[in-house]
Every structure is written in structure tokens, then in C-alpha cells.
Amino acid sequence: MTENHKERVQILPQPPKKGIQMEVTLSEVKMIFSQEEDTAGRANELGQDLIIKMIDSGGGHYFVIETERWAIDKPEDLAKLLAYSKSTIDRFNSDVGL
């Protein structure tokens, strides 16, 4: 090899050793549910949105609910949306192995 054509050596970081895995966590999920405005609702509004977030800040998932207005006939209706949100997250975690 001549002086003008020196060999270049690049040292790359080592990949993680086998058996050591990085932990992946799902830290936040946001679901938005929508429905038409109820008959006693707000003037000039076309609908209602309910935002359900599941957040994990290290101590496990908890629910956060945000809405300006969400009309329900029975408390069970809200419980069903929360259960649906949780089951969706559980399916996702199961599918990706979390």
C-alpha cells in the first residue's frame, strides 16, 4: 500500500451482548371518541368529543379523561368506553410482546 492510499479503520460500537435486552414500554395512548351533540347540548356545536388517555409514568397505567361535554344515558356507557380502551391497549401490548 502506498503512502497516498492508507487503509482506514473504523471502530463501531459493540452490539448489546446476547441475553441483554432493552426494555420497551408504552408510555401514553390517546383515544378520541366522538358523538353527535345531544338535544340539550351547546348551541352551534356539531358534536362531542371524549378523550381517554392511558399514561404510564413509571408506576403503571392510569386513565385521564378530557371533555368539554359528553352526554351519556347510563354510567355503564362510560365504563364500556374505559373497558374498551383498556382492552385495546392490552391487545396491543400482547401483539408486540410488551
PDB file of N, CA and C in Angstrom:
ATOM      1  N   MET A   1       0.851  -1.161   0.000  1.00  0.00           N
ATOM      2  CA  MET A   1       0.000   0.000   0.000  1.00  0.00           C
ATOM      3  C   MET A   1       0.902   1.231   0.000  1.00  0.00           C
ATOM      4  N   THR A   2       0.574   2.203  -0.818  1.00  0.00           N
ATOM      5  CA  THR A   2       1.392   3.415  -0.905  1.00  0.00           C
ATOM      6  C   THR A   2       0.981   4.399   0.176  1.00  0.00           C
ATOM      7  N   GLU A   3       1.833   5.412   0.375  1.00  0.00           N
ATOM      8  CA  GLU A   3       1.551   6.460   1.355  1.00  0.00           C
ATOM      9  C   GLU A   3       0.237   7.159   1.069  1.00  0.00           C
ATOM     10  N   ASN A   4      -0.114   7.332  -0.188  1.00  0.00           N
ATOM     11  CA  ASN A   4      -1.323   8.066  -0.566  1.00  0.00           C
ATOM     12  C   ASN A   4      -2.592   7.248  -0.371  1.00  0.00           C
ATOM     13  N   HIS A   5      -2.511   5.969  -0.197  1.00  0.00           N
ATOM     14  CA  HIS A   5      -3.683   5.099  -0.073  1.00  0.00           C
ATOM     15  C   HIS A   5      -3.633   4.338   1.251  1.00  0.00           C
ATOM     16  N   LYS A   6      -3.689   5.038   2.352  1.00  0.00           N
ATOM     17  CA  LYS A   6      -3.650   4.398   3.661  1.00  0.00           C
ATOM     18  C   LYS A   6      -4.993   3.729   3.940  1.00  0.00           C
ATOM     19  N   GLU A   7      -4.946   2.605   4.585  1.00  0.00           N
ATOM     20  CA  GLU A   7      -6.156   1.878   4.935  1.00  0.00           C
ATOM     21  C   GLU A   7      -6.877   2.612   6.070  1.00  0.00           C
ATOM     22  N   ARG A   8      -8.189   2.751   5.963  1.00  0.00           N
ATOM     23  CA  ARG A   8      -8.986   3.398   7.004  1.00  0.00           C
ATOM     24  C   ARG A   8      -9.671   2.323   7.831  1.00  0.00           C
ATOM     25  N   VAL A   9      -9.582   2.461   9.117  1.00  0.00           N
ATOM     26  CA  VAL A   9     -10.218   1.521  10.029  1.00  0.00           C
ATOM     27  C   VAL A   9     -11.211   2.310  10.863  1.00  0.00           C
ATOM     28  N   GLN A  10     -12.448   1.829  10.874  1.00  0.00           N
ATOM     29  CA  GLN A  10     -13.483   2.487  11.667  1.00  0.00           C
ATOM     30  C   GLN A  10     -13.916   1.528  12.758  1.00  0.00           C
ATOM     31  N   ILE A  11     -13.858   1.990  13.985  1.00  0.00           N
ATOM     32  CA  ILE A  11     -14.278   1.160  15.104  1.00  0.00           C
ATOM     33  C   ILE A  11     -15.728   1.496  15.417  1.00  0.00           C
ATOM     34  N   LEU A  12     -16.583   0.496  15.302  1.00  0.00           N
ATOM     35  CA  LEU A  12     -18.015   0.673  15.557  1.00  0.00           C
ATOM     36  C   LEU A  12     -18.341   0.245  16.980  1.00  0.00           C
ATOM     37  N   PRO A  13     -19.367   0.841  17.579  1.00  0.00           N
ATOM     38  CA  PRO A  13     -19.765   0.395  18.916  1.00  0.00           C
ATOM     39  C   PRO A  13     -20.213  -1.060  18.869  1.00  0.00           C
ATOM     40  N   GLN A  14     -19.956  -1.750  19.939  1.00  0.00           N
ATOM     41  CA  GLN A  14     -20.321  -3.154  20.016  1.00  0.00           C
ATOM     42  C   GLN A  14     -21.828  -3.303  20.189  1.00  0.00           C
ATOM     43  N   PRO A  15     -22.419  -4.282  19.508  1.00  0.00           N
ATOM     44  CA  PRO A  15     -23.853  -4.533  19.740  1.00  0.00           C
ATOM     45  C   PRO A  15     -24.047  -5.070  21.158  1.00  0.00           C
ATOM     46  N   PRO A  16     -25.273  -4.938  21.690  1.00  0.00           N
ATOM     47  CA  PRO A  16     -25.509  -5.464  23.042  1.00  0.00           C
ATOM     48  C   PRO A  16     -25.202  -6.954  23.091  1.00  0.00           C
ATOM     49  N   LYS A  17     -24.697  -7.385  24.224  1.00  0.00           N
ATOM     50  CA  LYS A  17     -24.403  -8.801  24.388  1.00  0.00           C
ATOM     51  C   LYS A  17     -25.699  -9.593  24.380  1.00  0.00           C
ATOM     52  N   LYS A  18     -25.607 -10.824  23.893  1.00  0.00           N
ATOM     53  CA  LYS A  18     -26.791 -11.678  23.867  1.00  0.00           C
ATOM     54  C   LYS A  18     -27.309 -11.866  25.289  1.00  0.00           C
ATOM     55  N   GLY A  19     -28.613 -11.867  25.411  1.00  0.00           N
ATOM     56  CA  GLY A  19     -29.239 -12.027  26.716  1.00  0.00           C
ATOM     57  C   GLY A  19     -29.553 -10.701  27.390  1.00  0.00           C
ATOM     58  N   ILE A  20     -28.959  -9.623  26.905  1.00  0.00           N
ATOM     59  CA  ILE A  20     -29.264  -8.295  27.441  1.00  0.00           C
ATOM     60  C   ILE A  20     -30.224  -7.633  26.473  1.00  0.00           C
ATOM     61  N   GLN A  21     -31.392  -7.296  26.941  1.00  0.00           N
ATOM     62  CA  GLN A  21     -32.392  -6.684  26.076  1.00  0.00           C
ATOM     63  C   GLN A  21     -32.774  -5.319  26.619  1.00  0.00           C
ATOM     64  N   MET A  22     -33.024  -4.420  25.696  1.00  0.00           N
ATOM     65  CA  MET A  22     -33.500  -3.100  26.096  1.00  0.00           C
ATOM     66  C   MET A  22     -34.987  -3.203  26.384  1.00  0.00           C
ATOM     67  N   GLU A  23     -35.456  -2.504  27.392  1.00  0.00           N
ATOM     68  CA  GLU A  23     -36.867  -2.544  27.759  1.00  0.00           C
ATOM     69  C   GLU A  23     -37.645  -1.504  26.950  1.00  0.00           C
ATOM     70  N   VAL A  24     -38.744  -1.945  26.377  1.00  0.00           N
ATOM     71  CA  VAL A  24     -39.627  -1.061  25.630  1.00  0.00           C
ATOM     72  C   VAL A  24     -40.923  -0.953  26.411  1.00  0.00           C
ATOM     73  N   THR A  25     -41.387   0.280  26.619  1.00  0.00           N
ATOM     74  CA  THR A  25     -42.646   0.481  27.327  1.00  0.00           C
ATOM     75  C   THR A  25     -43.549   1.391  26.509  1.00  0.00           C
ATOM     76  N   LEU A  26     -44.817   1.175  26.650  1.00  0.00           N
ATOM     77  CA  LEU A  26     -45.822   2.034  26.044  1.00  0.00           C
ATOM     78  C   LEU A  26     -46.184   3.063  27.102  1.00  0.00           C
ATOM     79  N   SER A  27     -45.780   4.320  26.897  1.00  0.00           N
ATOM     80  CA  SER A  27     -45.938   5.300  27.959  1.00  0.00           C
ATOM     81  C   SER A  27     -47.229   6.102  27.872  1.00  0.00           C
ATOM     82  N   GLU A  28     -47.809   6.258  26.662  1.00  0.00           N
ATOM     83  CA  GLU A  28     -49.056   7.013  26.572  1.00  0.00           C
ATOM     84  C   GLU A  28     -49.830   6.600  25.325  1.00  0.00           C
ATOM     85  N   VAL A  29     -51.125   6.467  25.497  1.00  0.00           N
ATOM     86  CA  VAL A  29     -52.047   6.183  24.395  1.00  0.00           C
ATOM     87  C   VAL A  29     -53.203   7.163  24.520  1.00  0.00           C
ATOM     88  N   LYS A  30     -53.627   7.706  23.403  1.00  0.00           N
ATOM     89  CA  LYS A  30     -54.729   8.668  23.399  1.00  0.00           C
ATOM     90  C   LYS A  30     -55.784   8.175  22.418  1.00  0.00           C
ATOM     91  N   MET A  31     -57.011   8.032  22.900  1.00  0.00           N
ATOM     92  CA  MET A  31     -58.135   7.625  22.059  1.00  0.00           C
ATOM     93  C   MET A  31     -59.169   8.736  22.098  1.00  0.00           C
ATOM     94  N   ILE A  32     -59.713   9.091  20.931  1.00  0.00           N
ATOM     95  CA  ILE A  32     -60.726  10.136  20.854  1.00  0.00           C
ATOM     96  C   ILE A  32     -62.025   9.506  20.360  1.00  0.00           C
ATOM     97  N   PHE A  33     -63.067   9.616  21.169  1.00  0.00           N
ATOM     98  CA  PHE A  33     -64.390   9.130  20.814  1.00  0.00           C
ATOM     99  C   PHE A  33     -65.256  10.341  20.481  1.00  0.00           C
ATOM    100  N   SER A  34     -66.124  10.210  19.490  1.00  0.00           N
ATOM    101  CA  SER A  34     -66.983  11.319  19.067  1.00  0.00           C
ATOM    102  C   SER A  34     -68.425  10.860  18.966  1.00  0.00           C
ATOM    103  N   GLN A  35     -69.329  11.791  19.249  1.00  0.00           N
ATOM    104  CA  GLN A  35     -70.763  11.532  19.072  1.00  0.00           C
ATOM    105  C   GLN A  35     -71.449  12.846  18.719  1.00  0.00           C
ATOM    106  N   GLU A  36     -72.667  12.735  18.199  1.00  0.00           N
ATOM    107  CA  GLU A  36     -73.439  13.936  17.865  1.00  0.00           C
ATOM    108  C   GLU A  36     -73.800  14.692  19.139  1.00  0.00           C
ATOM    109  N   GLU A  37     -74.009  15.982  18.983  1.00  0.00           N
ATOM    110  CA  GLU A  37     -74.415  16.814  20.122  1.00  0.00           C
ATOM    111  C   GLU A  37     -75.778  16.331  20.611  1.00  0.00           C
ATOM    112  N   ASP A  38     -75.959  16.279  21.944  1.00  0.00           N
ATOM    113  CA  ASP A  38     -77.258  15.855  22.475  1.00  0.00           C
ATOM    114  C   ASP A  38     -78.265  16.995  22.371  1.00  0.00           C
ATOM    115  N   THR A  39     -79.541  16.696  22.557  1.00  0.00           N
ATOM    116  CA  THR A  39     -80.606  17.681  22.336  1.00  0.00           C
ATOM    117  C   THR A  39     -80.549  18.847  23.320  1.00  0.00           C
ATOM    118  N   ALA A  40     -79.957  18.652  24.492  1.00  0.00           N
ATOM    119  CA  ALA A  40     -79.811  19.744  25.464  1.00  0.00           C
ATOM    120  C   ALA A  40     -78.386  20.294  25.432  1.00  0.00           C
ATOM    121  N   GLY A  41     -77.701  20.044  24.341  1.00  0.00           N
ATOM    122  CA  GLY A  41     -76.290  20.404  24.242  1.00  0.00           C
ATOM    123  C   GLY A  41     -76.038  21.865  23.955  1.00  0.00           C
ATOM    124  N   ARG A  42     -74.874  22.155  23.445  1.00  0.00           N
ATOM    125  CA  ARG A  42     -74.411  23.519  23.217  1.00  0.00           C
ATOM    126  C   ARG A  42     -74.896  24.022  21.855  1.00  0.00           C
ATOM    127  N   ALA A  43     -75.270  25.268  21.797  1.00  0.00           N
ATOM    128  CA  ALA A  43     -75.723  25.877  20.538  1.00  0.00           C
ATOM    129  C   ALA A  43     -74.564  25.933  19.549  1.00  0.00           C
ATOM    130  N   ASN A  44     -74.869  25.695  18.293  1.00  0.00           N
ATOM    131  CA  ASN A  44     -73.903  25.778  17.196  1.00  0.00           C
ATOM    132  C   ASN A  44     -72.756  24.777  17.298  1.00  0.00           C
ATOM    133  N   GLU A  45     -72.930  23.733  18.067  1.00  0.00           N
ATOM    134  CA  GLU A  45     -71.912  22.682  18.154  1.00  0.00           C
ATOM    135  C   GLU A  45     -72.410  21.457  17.401  1.00  0.00           C
ATOM    136  N   LEU A  46     -71.540  20.841  16.646  1.00  0.00           N
ATOM    137  CA  LEU A  46     -71.937  19.696  15.832  1.00  0.00           C
ATOM    138  C   LEU A  46     -71.747  18.364  16.537  1.00  0.00           C
ATOM    139  N   GLY A  47     -70.959  18.335  17.563  1.00  0.00           N
ATOM    140  CA  GLY A  47     -70.710  17.058  18.218  1.00  0.00           C
ATOM    141  C   GLY A  47     -69.934  17.211  19.508  1.00  0.00           C
ATOM    142  N   GLN A  48     -69.696  16.056  20.132  1.00  0.00           N
ATOM    143  CA  GLN A  48     -68.991  15.996  21.400  1.00  0.00           C
ATOM    144  C   GLN A  48     -67.821  15.029  21.251  1.00  0.00           C
ATOM    145  N   ASP A  49     -66.719  15.377  21.870  1.00  0.00           N
ATOM    146  CA  ASP A  49     -65.545  14.517  21.861  1.00  0.00           C
ATOM    147  C   ASP A  49     -65.185  14.147  23.286  1.00  0.00           C
ATOM    148  N   LEU A  50     -64.787  12.913  23.452  1.00  0.00           N
ATOM    149  CA  LEU A  50     -64.297  12.407  24.730  1.00  0.00           C
ATOM    150  C   LEU A  50     -62.911  11.848  24.463  1.00  0.00           C
ATOM    151  N   ILE A  51     -61.929  12.356  25.178  1.00  0.00           N
ATOM    152  CA  ILE A  51     -60.555  11.881  25.029  1.00  0.00           C
ATOM    153  C   ILE A  51     -60.229  11.023  26.242  1.00  0.00           C
ATOM    154  N   ILE A  52     -59.800   9.800  25.967  1.00  0.00           N
ATOM    155  CA  ILE A  52     -59.356   8.911  27.034  1.00  0.00           C
ATOM    156  C   ILE A  52     -57.884   8.625  26.780  1.00  0.00           C
ATOM    157  N   LYS A  53     -57.064   8.987  27.755  1.00  0.00           N
ATOM    158  CA  LYS A  53     -55.632   8.703  27.671  1.00  0.00           C
ATOM    159  C   LYS A  53     -55.285   7.649  28.712  1.00  0.00           C
ATOM    160  N   MET A  54     -54.384   6.782  28.351  1.00  0.00           N
ATOM    161  CA  MET A  54     -53.779   5.875  29.323  1.00  0.00           C
ATOM    162  C   MET A  54     -52.309   6.254  29.369  1.00  0.00           C
ATOM    163  N   ILE A  55     -51.852   6.635  30.544  1.00  0.00           N
ATOM    164  CA  ILE A  55     -50.497   7.133  30.721  1.00  0.00           C
ATOM    165  C   ILE A  55     -49.780   6.267  31.748  1.00  0.00           C
ATOM    166  N   ASP A  56     -48.518   5.998  31.485  1.00  0.00           N
ATOM    167  CA  ASP A  56     -47.670   5.278  32.440  1.00  0.00           C
ATOM    168  C   ASP A  56     -46.445   6.129  32.701  1.00  0.00           C
ATOM    169  N   SER A  57     -46.339   6.667  33.898  1.00  0.00           N
ATOM    170  CA  SER A  57     -45.173   7.475  34.241  1.00  0.00           C
ATOM    171  C   SER A  57     -44.230   6.708  35.156  1.00  0.00           C
ATOM    172  N   GLY A  58     -44.312   5.380  35.073  1.00  0.00           N
ATOM    173  CA  GLY A  58     -43.403   4.535  35.837  1.00  0.00           C
ATOM    174  C   GLY A  58     -44.076   3.680  36.886  1.00  0.00           C
ATOM    175  N   GLY A  59     -45.266   4.046  37.305  1.00  0.00           N
ATOM    176  CA  GLY A  59     -45.953   3.298  38.347  1.00  0.00           C
ATOM    177  C   GLY A  59     -47.114   2.469  37.841  1.00  0.00           C
ATOM    178  N   GLY A  60     -47.227   2.308  36.540  1.00  0.00           N
ATOM    179  CA  GLY A  60     -48.342   1.576  35.946  1.00  0.00           C
ATOM    180  C   GLY A  60     -49.295   2.531  35.239  1.00  0.00           C
ATOM    181  N   HIS A  61     -50.116   1.973  34.375  1.00  0.00           N
ATOM    182  CA  HIS A  61     -51.034   2.796  33.590  1.00  0.00           C
ATOM    183  C   HIS A  61     -52.172   3.344  34.451  1.00  0.00           C
ATOM    184  N   TYR A  62     -52.572   4.569  34.141  1.00  0.00           N
ATOM    185  CA  TYR A  62     -53.758   5.162  34.748  1.00  0.00           C
ATOM    186  C   TYR A  62     -54.516   5.923  33.660  1.00  0.00           C
ATOM    187  N   PHE A  63     -55.799   6.155  33.889  1.00  0.00           N
ATOM    188  CA  PHE A  63     -56.658   6.820  32.919  1.00  0.00           C
ATOM    189  C   PHE A  63     -56.704   8.324  33.168  1.00  0.00           C
ATOM    190  N   VAL A  64     -56.755   9.091  32.077  1.00  0.00           N
ATOM    191  CA  VAL A  64     -57.027  10.524  32.120  1.00  0.00           C
ATOM    192  C   VAL A  64     -58.169  10.753  31.144  1.00  0.00           C
ATOM    193  N   ILE A  65     -59.226  11.423  31.598  1.00  0.00           N
ATOM    194  CA  ILE A  65     -60.395  11.681  30.770  1.00  0.00           C
ATOM    195  C   ILE A  65     -60.513  13.185  30.551  1.00  0.00           C
ATOM    196  N   GLU A  66     -60.669  13.587  29.279  1.00  0.00           N
ATOM    197  CA  GLU A  66     -60.819  15.003  28.945  1.00  0.00           C
ATOM    198  C   GLU A  66     -62.054  15.181  28.062  1.00  0.00           C
ATOM    199  N   THR A  67     -62.860  16.184  28.368  1.00  0.00           N
ATOM    200  CA  THR A  67     -64.013  16.503  27.536  1.00  0.00           C
ATOM    201  C   THR A  67     -64.570  17.864  27.934  1.00  0.00           C
ATOM    202  N   GLU A  68     -65.174  18.541  26.975  1.00  0.00           N
ATOM    203  CA  GLU A  68     -65.941  19.738  27.309  1.00  0.00           C
ATOM    204  C   GLU A  68     -67.363  19.330  27.665  1.00  0.00           C
ATOM    205  N   ARG A  69     -67.854  18.324  26.955  1.00  0.00           N
ATOM    206  CA  ARG A  69     -69.197  17.812  27.214  1.00  0.00           C
ATOM    207  C   ARG A  69     -69.287  16.435  26.585  1.00  0.00           C
ATOM    208  N   TRP A  70     -69.831  15.480  27.326  1.00  0.00           N
ATOM    209  CA  TRP A  70     -70.062  14.133  26.822  1.00  0.00           C
ATOM    210  C   TRP A  70     -71.310  13.613  27.513  1.00  0.00           C
ATOM    211  N   ALA A  71     -72.401  13.550  26.789  1.00  0.00           N
ATOM    212  CA  ALA A  71     -73.674  13.122  27.371  1.00  0.00           C
ATOM    213  C   ALA A  71     -73.793  11.599  27.301  1.00  0.00           C
ATOM    214  N   ILE A  72     -74.240  10.990  28.410  1.00  0.00           N
ATOM    215  CA  ILE A  72     -74.469   9.547  28.456  1.00  0.00           C
ATOM    216  C   ILE A  72     -75.835   9.297  29.082  1.00  0.00           C
ATOM    217  N   ASP A  73     -76.420   8.173  28.713  1.00  0.00           N
ATOM    218  CA  ASP A  73     -77.701   7.781  29.301  1.00  0.00           C
ATOM    219  C   ASP A  73     -77.502   7.006  30.597  1.00  0.00           C
ATOM    220  N   LYS A  74     -76.451   6.186  30.634  1.00  0.00           N
ATOM    221  CA  LYS A  74     -76.203   5.328  31.794  1.00  0.00           C
ATOM    222  C   LYS A  74     -74.714   5.373  32.140  1.00  0.00           C
ATOM    223  N   PRO A  75     -74.358   5.305  33.415  1.00  0.00           N
ATOM    224  CA  PRO A  75     -72.945   5.263  33.801  1.00  0.00           C
ATOM    225  C   PRO A  75     -72.192   4.108  33.142  1.00  0.00           C
ATOM    226  N   GLU A  76     -72.915   3.028  32.862  1.00  0.00           N
ATOM    227  CA  GLU A  76     -72.286   1.865  32.227  1.00  0.00           C
ATOM    228  C   GLU A  76     -71.711   2.212  30.845  1.00  0.00           C
ATOM    229  N   ASP A  77     -72.296   3.229  30.184  1.00  0.00           N
ATOM    230  CA  ASP A  77     -71.795   3.640  28.867  1.00  0.00           C
ATOM    231  C   ASP A  77     -70.356   4.137  28.972  1.00  0.00           C
ATOM    232  N   LEU A  78     -70.073   4.924  29.996  1.00  0.00           N
ATOM    233  CA  LEU A  78     -68.709   5.413  30.202  1.00  0.00           C
ATOM    234  C   LEU A  78     -67.784   4.264  30.603  1.00  0.00           C
ATOM    235  N   ALA A  79     -68.283   3.380  31.450  1.00  0.00           N
ATOM    236  CA  ALA A  79     -67.480   2.221  31.869  1.00  0.00           C
ATOM    237  C   ALA A  79     -67.106   1.356  30.665  1.00  0.00           C
ATOM    238  N   LYS A  80     -68.025   1.225  29.702  1.00  0.00           N
ATOM    239  CA  LYS A  80     -67.742   0.424  28.498  1.00  0.00           C
ATOM    240  C   LYS A  80     -66.621   1.065  27.666  1.00  0.00           C
ATOM    241  N   LEU A  81     -66.621   2.397  27.554  1.00  0.00           N
ATOM    242  CA  LEU A  81     -65.560   3.070  26.803  1.00  0.00           C
ATOM    243  C   LEU A  81     -64.206   2.894  27.487  1.00  0.00           C
ATOM    244  N   LEU A  82     -64.194   2.972  28.809  1.00  0.00           N
ATOM    245  CA  LEU A  82     -62.952   2.753  29.544  1.00  0.00           C
ATOM    246  C   LEU A  82     -62.473   1.307  29.382  1.00  0.00           C
ATOM    247  N   ALA A  83     -63.391   0.363  29.470  1.00  0.00           N
ATOM    248  CA  ALA A  83     -63.026  -1.047  29.296  1.00  0.00           C
ATOM    249  C   ALA A  83     -62.519  -1.309  27.881  1.00  0.00           C
ATOM    250  N   TYR A  84     -63.166  -0.701  26.887  1.00  0.00           N
ATOM    251  CA  TYR A  84     -62.712  -0.848  25.501  1.00  0.00           C
ATOM    252  C   TYR A  84     -61.299  -0.284  25.345  1.00  0.00           C
ATOM    253  N   SER A  85     -61.054   0.883  25.928  1.00  0.00           N
ATOM    254  CA  SER A  85     -59.724   1.495  25.842  1.00  0.00           C
ATOM    255  C   SER A  85     -58.670   0.591  26.462  1.00  0.00           C
ATOM    256  N   LYS A  86     -58.959   0.057  27.636  1.00  0.00           N
ATOM    257  CA  LYS A  86     -58.007  -0.820  28.308  1.00  0.00           C
ATOM    258  C   LYS A  86     -57.765  -2.093  27.507  1.00  0.00           C
ATOM    259  N   SER A  87     -58.821  -2.693  26.970  1.00  0.00           N
ATOM    260  CA  SER A  87     -58.641  -3.942  26.208  1.00  0.00           C
ATOM    261  C   SER A  87     -57.850  -3.693  24.926  1.00  0.00           C
ATOM    262  N   THR A  88     -58.018  -2.515  24.318  1.00  0.00           N
ATOM    263  CA  THR A  88     -57.246  -2.170  23.120  1.00  0.00           C
ATOM    264  C   THR A  88     -55.763  -2.097  23.454  1.00  0.00           C
ATOM    265  N   ILE A  89     -55.429  -1.460  24.563  1.00  0.00           N
ATOM    266  CA  ILE A  89     -54.029  -1.355  24.997  1.00  0.00           C
ATOM    267  C   ILE A  89     -53.488  -2.739  25.341  1.00  0.00           C
ATOM    268  N   ASP A  90     -54.272  -3.536  26.038  1.00  0.00           N
ATOM    269  CA  ASP A  90     -53.826  -4.890  26.402  1.00  0.00           C
ATOM    270  C   ASP A  90     -53.550  -5.721  25.149  1.00  0.00           C
ATOM    271  N   ARG A  91     -54.419  -5.614  24.126  1.00  0.00           N
ATOM    272  CA  ARG A  91     -54.193  -6.351  22.870  1.00  0.00           C
ATOM    273  C   ARG A  91     -52.927  -5.876  22.192  1.00  0.00           C
ATOM    274  N   PHE A  92     -52.706  -4.571  22.158  1.00  0.00           N
ATOM    275  CA  PHE A  92     -51.503  -4.028  21.550  1.00  0.00           C
ATOM    276  C   PHE A  92     -50.269  -4.544  22.266  1.00  0.00           C
ATOM    277  N   ASN A  93     -50.272  -4.446  23.598  1.00  0.00           N
ATOM    278  CA  ASN A  93     -49.123  -4.925  24.378  1.00  0.00           C
ATOM    279  C   ASN A  93     -48.859  -6.392  24.128  1.00  0.00           C
ATOM    280  N   SER A  94     -49.920  -7.190  24.034  1.00  0.00           N
ATOM    281  CA  SER A  94     -49.785  -8.610  23.772  1.00  0.00           C
ATOM    282  C   SER A  94     -49.228  -8.874  22.375  1.00  0.00           C
ATOM    283  N   ASP A  95     -49.733  -8.133  21.377  1.00  0.00           N
ATOM    284  CA  ASP A  95     -49.295  -8.328  19.993  1.00  0.00           C
ATOM    285  C   ASP A  95     -47.820  -8.009  19.796  1.00  0.00           C
ATOM    286  N   VAL A  96     -47.324  -6.988  20.488  1.00  0.00           N
ATOM    287  CA  VAL A  96     -45.915  -6.603  20.312  1.00  0.00           C
ATOM    288  C   VAL A  96     -45.011  -7.159  21.410  1.00  0.00           C
ATOM    289  N   GLY A  97     -45.600  -7.903  22.307  1.00  0.00           N
ATOM    290  CA  GLY A  97     -44.796  -8.547  23.341  1.00  0.00           C
ATOM    291  C   GLY A  97     -44.369  -7.655  24.484  1.00  0.00           C
ATOM    292  N   LEU A  98     -45.169  -6.647  24.802  1.00  0.00           N
ATOM    293  CA  LEU A  98     -44.824  -5.774  25.936  1.00  0.00           C
ATOM    294  C   LEU A  98     -45.477  -6.285  27.195  1.00  0.00           C
TER     295      LEU A  98
END
